[in-house]
Amino acid sequence: RAAFAGEGALPRLAASAEEARVVARYVPLATVVRRREASEARLKHEPLGSYRILHFATHALVDEGTLTRTALVLAPGDGEDGLVGPGELARLTLSADLVILSACRTAGGTLVRGEGLQGLTSALLQAGARSVLATRWPIADRPTVRLVESFYRELAAGRTVGDALREA
């Protein structure tokens, strides 16, 4: 709960709505969910198997010491706290070609002997995503919109994910 209210709460991402509009311009038939609708409960109950791209413009909490404090931050409600941990992500049923985690440090995680780096990205791959685009560093809200717009423009022009990211 501390992530959402009071001292130390995560700040509202002012440009996330703009980022969602950019994505919707380039992705035909996009389903855009924002604010309270972008909830952990909805993610867990949405039939995600038909989505080719999932794009999350939100906060993430990544603790490189333990997976129990690593989570994608969505809206709480309907009995859910809004913090979607790696175990919960791994239980999703995905067939997306690409999942984009437009949040700080989403490529981080905990190094597990014999398993490698475990965190948000490995959980999404375990859930069935074919690729995950994530960051190793903090990202700024407004400049990210420009990067996302350029990335999707390049994807729409027929570039591969890697080439689109490089051009962006």
Protein backbone atom coordinates (compact mmCIF):
# COMPACT_ATOMS: atom_id res chain seq x y z
CA ARG A 1 0.00 0.00 0.00
CA ALA A 2 2.90 2.40 0.68
CA ALA A 3 3.57 2.48 -3.05
CA PHE A 4 0.26 4.27 -3.65
CA ALA A 5 -0.27 6.72 -0.78
CA GLY A 6 1.58 8.69 1.85
CA GLU A 7 5.24 9.51 2.21
CA GLY A 8 7.38 7.57 -0.26
CA ALA A 9 4.46 6.94 -2.62
CA LEU A 10 5.28 6.57 -6.29
CA PRO A 11 4.62 9.79 -8.23
CA ARG A 12 1.96 9.86 -10.92
CA LEU A 13 3.45 9.40 -14.39
CA ALA A 14 2.20 12.53 -16.13
CA ALA A 15 3.17 11.37 -19.63
CA SER A 16 1.87 7.80 -19.43
CA ALA A 17 -1.49 8.79 -20.96
CA GLU A 18 0.34 10.44 -23.84
CA GLU A 19 2.44 7.30 -24.23
CA ALA A 20 -0.75 5.23 -24.43
CA ARG A 21 -2.15 7.53 -27.14
CA VAL A 22 1.07 7.18 -29.15
CA VAL A 23 0.91 3.39 -28.97
CA ALA A 24 -2.77 3.42 -30.00
CA ARG A 25 -1.93 5.49 -33.09
CA TYR A 26 0.46 2.84 -34.36
CA VAL A 27 -1.27 -0.36 -33.21
CA PRO A 28 -4.52 -1.13 -35.05
CA LEU A 29 -7.34 -2.22 -32.74
CA ALA A 30 -5.33 -1.33 -29.62
CA THR A 31 -7.05 -1.73 -26.27
CA VAL A 32 -5.93 1.12 -24.05
CA VAL A 33 -6.54 0.93 -20.32
CA ARG A 34 -5.54 3.70 -17.95
CA ARG A 35 -5.58 4.62 -14.30
CA ARG A 36 -7.94 2.46 -12.19
CA GLU A 37 -8.83 0.33 -15.22
CA ALA A 38 -5.16 -0.62 -15.55
CA SER A 39 -5.43 -2.87 -12.54
CA GLU A 40 -3.77 -6.03 -11.38
CA ALA A 41 -7.22 -7.68 -11.24
CA ARG A 42 -7.91 -6.81 -14.88
CA LEU A 43 -4.50 -8.11 -15.99
CA LYS A 44 -5.13 -11.42 -14.24
CA HIS A 45 -8.62 -11.85 -15.71
CA GLU A 46 -8.14 -10.42 -19.22
CA PRO A 47 -7.87 -13.05 -21.99
CA LEU A 48 -4.34 -12.04 -22.98
CA GLY A 49 -3.70 -14.87 -25.44
CA SER A 50 -4.93 -12.86 -28.43
CA TYR A 51 -2.68 -9.84 -27.84
CA ARG A 52 0.39 -9.60 -30.10
CA ILE A 53 1.89 -6.67 -28.17
CA LEU A 54 1.46 -5.76 -24.52
CA HIS A 55 2.78 -2.34 -23.52
CA PHE A 56 2.99 -1.30 -19.86
CA ALA A 57 3.71 2.40 -19.17
CA THR A 58 3.92 2.33 -15.40
CA HIS A 59 6.26 2.06 -12.44
CA ALA A 60 8.22 -1.02 -11.48
CA LEU A 61 9.87 -1.97 -8.23
CA VAL A 62 13.01 -4.04 -8.68
CA ASP A 63 15.03 -5.39 -5.77
CA GLU A 64 18.18 -7.15 -6.94
CA GLY A 65 18.46 -8.90 -3.58
CA THR A 66 15.11 -10.68 -3.52
CA LEU A 67 12.27 -11.44 -5.91
CA THR A 68 9.67 -10.84 -3.20
CA ARG A 69 10.18 -7.07 -3.50
CA THR A 70 10.12 -6.96 -7.31
CA ALA A 71 6.86 -6.03 -9.02
CA LEU A 72 5.17 -4.30 -11.91
CA VAL A 73 2.96 -1.56 -10.43
CA LEU A 74 -0.66 -1.50 -11.58
CA ALA A 75 -3.80 -0.16 -9.93
CA PRO A 76 -5.00 -1.93 -6.77
CA GLY A 77 -8.58 -3.08 -6.24
CA ASP A 78 -10.90 -6.07 -6.35
CA GLY A 79 -8.86 -7.80 -3.66
CA GLU A 80 -5.50 -7.17 -5.37
CA ASP A 81 -2.74 -4.90 -4.06
CA GLY A 82 -1.62 -3.63 -7.48
CA LEU A 83 1.89 -5.06 -7.17
CA VAL A 84 2.30 -7.84 -9.75
CA GLY A 85 5.30 -9.93 -8.80
CA PRO A 86 7.30 -12.29 -11.00
CA GLY A 87 5.37 -15.34 -9.80
CA GLU A 88 2.06 -13.71 -10.72
CA LEU A 89 3.40 -12.65 -14.12
CA ALA A 90 4.66 -16.17 -14.79
CA ARG A 91 1.16 -17.55 -14.19
CA LEU A 92 -0.35 -15.40 -16.98
CA THR A 93 -1.10 -17.09 -20.31
CA LEU A 94 0.59 -15.05 -23.02
CA SER A 95 1.33 -15.56 -26.69
CA ALA A 96 2.48 -12.01 -27.37
CA ASP A 97 5.26 -11.43 -29.85
CA LEU A 98 6.43 -8.52 -27.70
CA VAL A 99 5.91 -7.22 -24.17
CA ILE A 100 7.21 -3.72 -23.50
CA LEU A 101 7.94 -2.72 -19.93
CA SER A 102 8.16 1.06 -20.16
CA ALA A 103 9.27 1.53 -16.56
CA CYS A 104 12.50 1.99 -14.64
CA ARG A 105 14.97 -0.88 -14.28
CA THR A 106 12.57 -3.59 -15.51
CA ALA A 107 15.41 -5.74 -16.87
CA GLY A 108 16.88 -6.09 -13.39
CA GLY A 109 16.32 -8.92 -11.02
CA THR A 110 17.94 -11.46 -8.76
CA LEU A 111 20.73 -13.74 -9.90
CA VAL A 112 19.69 -17.30 -9.05
CA ARG A 113 22.38 -19.99 -9.25
CA GLY A 114 21.53 -22.43 -12.04
CA GLU A 115 18.65 -20.26 -13.29
CA GLY A 116 20.26 -16.96 -14.26
CA LEU A 117 18.69 -13.54 -13.80
CA GLN A 118 15.15 -13.87 -12.46
CA GLY A 119 12.74 -10.95 -12.44
CA LEU A 120 9.97 -9.37 -14.47
CA THR A 121 11.39 -10.26 -17.89
CA SER A 122 12.06 -13.92 -17.14
CA ALA A 123 8.56 -14.27 -15.69
CA LEU A 124 6.96 -12.84 -18.84
CA LEU A 125 9.00 -15.18 -21.02
CA GLN A 126 7.91 -18.07 -18.82
CA ALA A 127 4.28 -16.95 -19.30
CA GLY A 128 4.69 -17.29 -23.08
CA ALA A 129 5.90 -13.91 -24.37
CA ARG A 130 8.26 -14.35 -27.32
CA SER A 131 10.30 -11.24 -26.47
CA VAL A 132 10.42 -8.57 -23.79
CA LEU A 133 11.74 -5.02 -24.14
CA ALA A 134 12.93 -3.71 -20.78
CA THR A 135 15.39 -1.23 -19.28
CA ARG A 136 18.43 -1.59 -17.04
CA TRP A 137 18.31 2.03 -15.85
CA PRO A 138 15.89 4.67 -14.58
CA ILE A 139 13.92 6.30 -17.41
CA ALA A 140 12.33 9.74 -17.54
CA ASP A 141 8.60 10.00 -18.21
CA ARG A 142 8.43 12.62 -21.00
CA PRO A 143 11.53 11.64 -23.04
CA THR A 144 10.27 8.05 -23.00
CA VAL A 145 7.21 9.14 -25.00
CA ARG A 146 9.48 10.37 -27.79
CA LEU A 147 11.43 7.10 -27.78
CA VAL A 148 8.22 5.04 -27.80
CA GLU A 149 6.77 7.06 -30.68
CA SER A 150 9.91 6.61 -32.75
CA PHE A 151 10.05 2.90 -31.88
CA TYR A 152 6.45 2.24 -32.95
CA ARG A 153 6.88 4.34 -36.10
CA GLU A 154 9.83 2.12 -37.06
CA LEU A 155 7.86 -1.05 -36.24
CA ALA A 156 4.97 0.22 -38.39
CA ALA A 157 7.47 0.75 -41.23
CA GLY A 158 8.23 -2.98 -41.12
CA ARG A 159 11.45 -3.01 -39.10
CA THR A 160 12.23 -5.84 -36.69
CA VAL A 161 12.04 -5.06 -32.97
CA GLY A 162 15.84 -4.82 -32.73
CA ASP A 163 16.14 -2.57 -35.77
CA ALA A 164 13.22 -0.39 -34.63
CA LEU A 165 14.81 0.08 -31.22
CA ARG A 166 18.19 0.87 -32.74
CA GLU A 167 16.64 3.48 -35.08
CA ALA A 168 14.57 4.98 -32.26
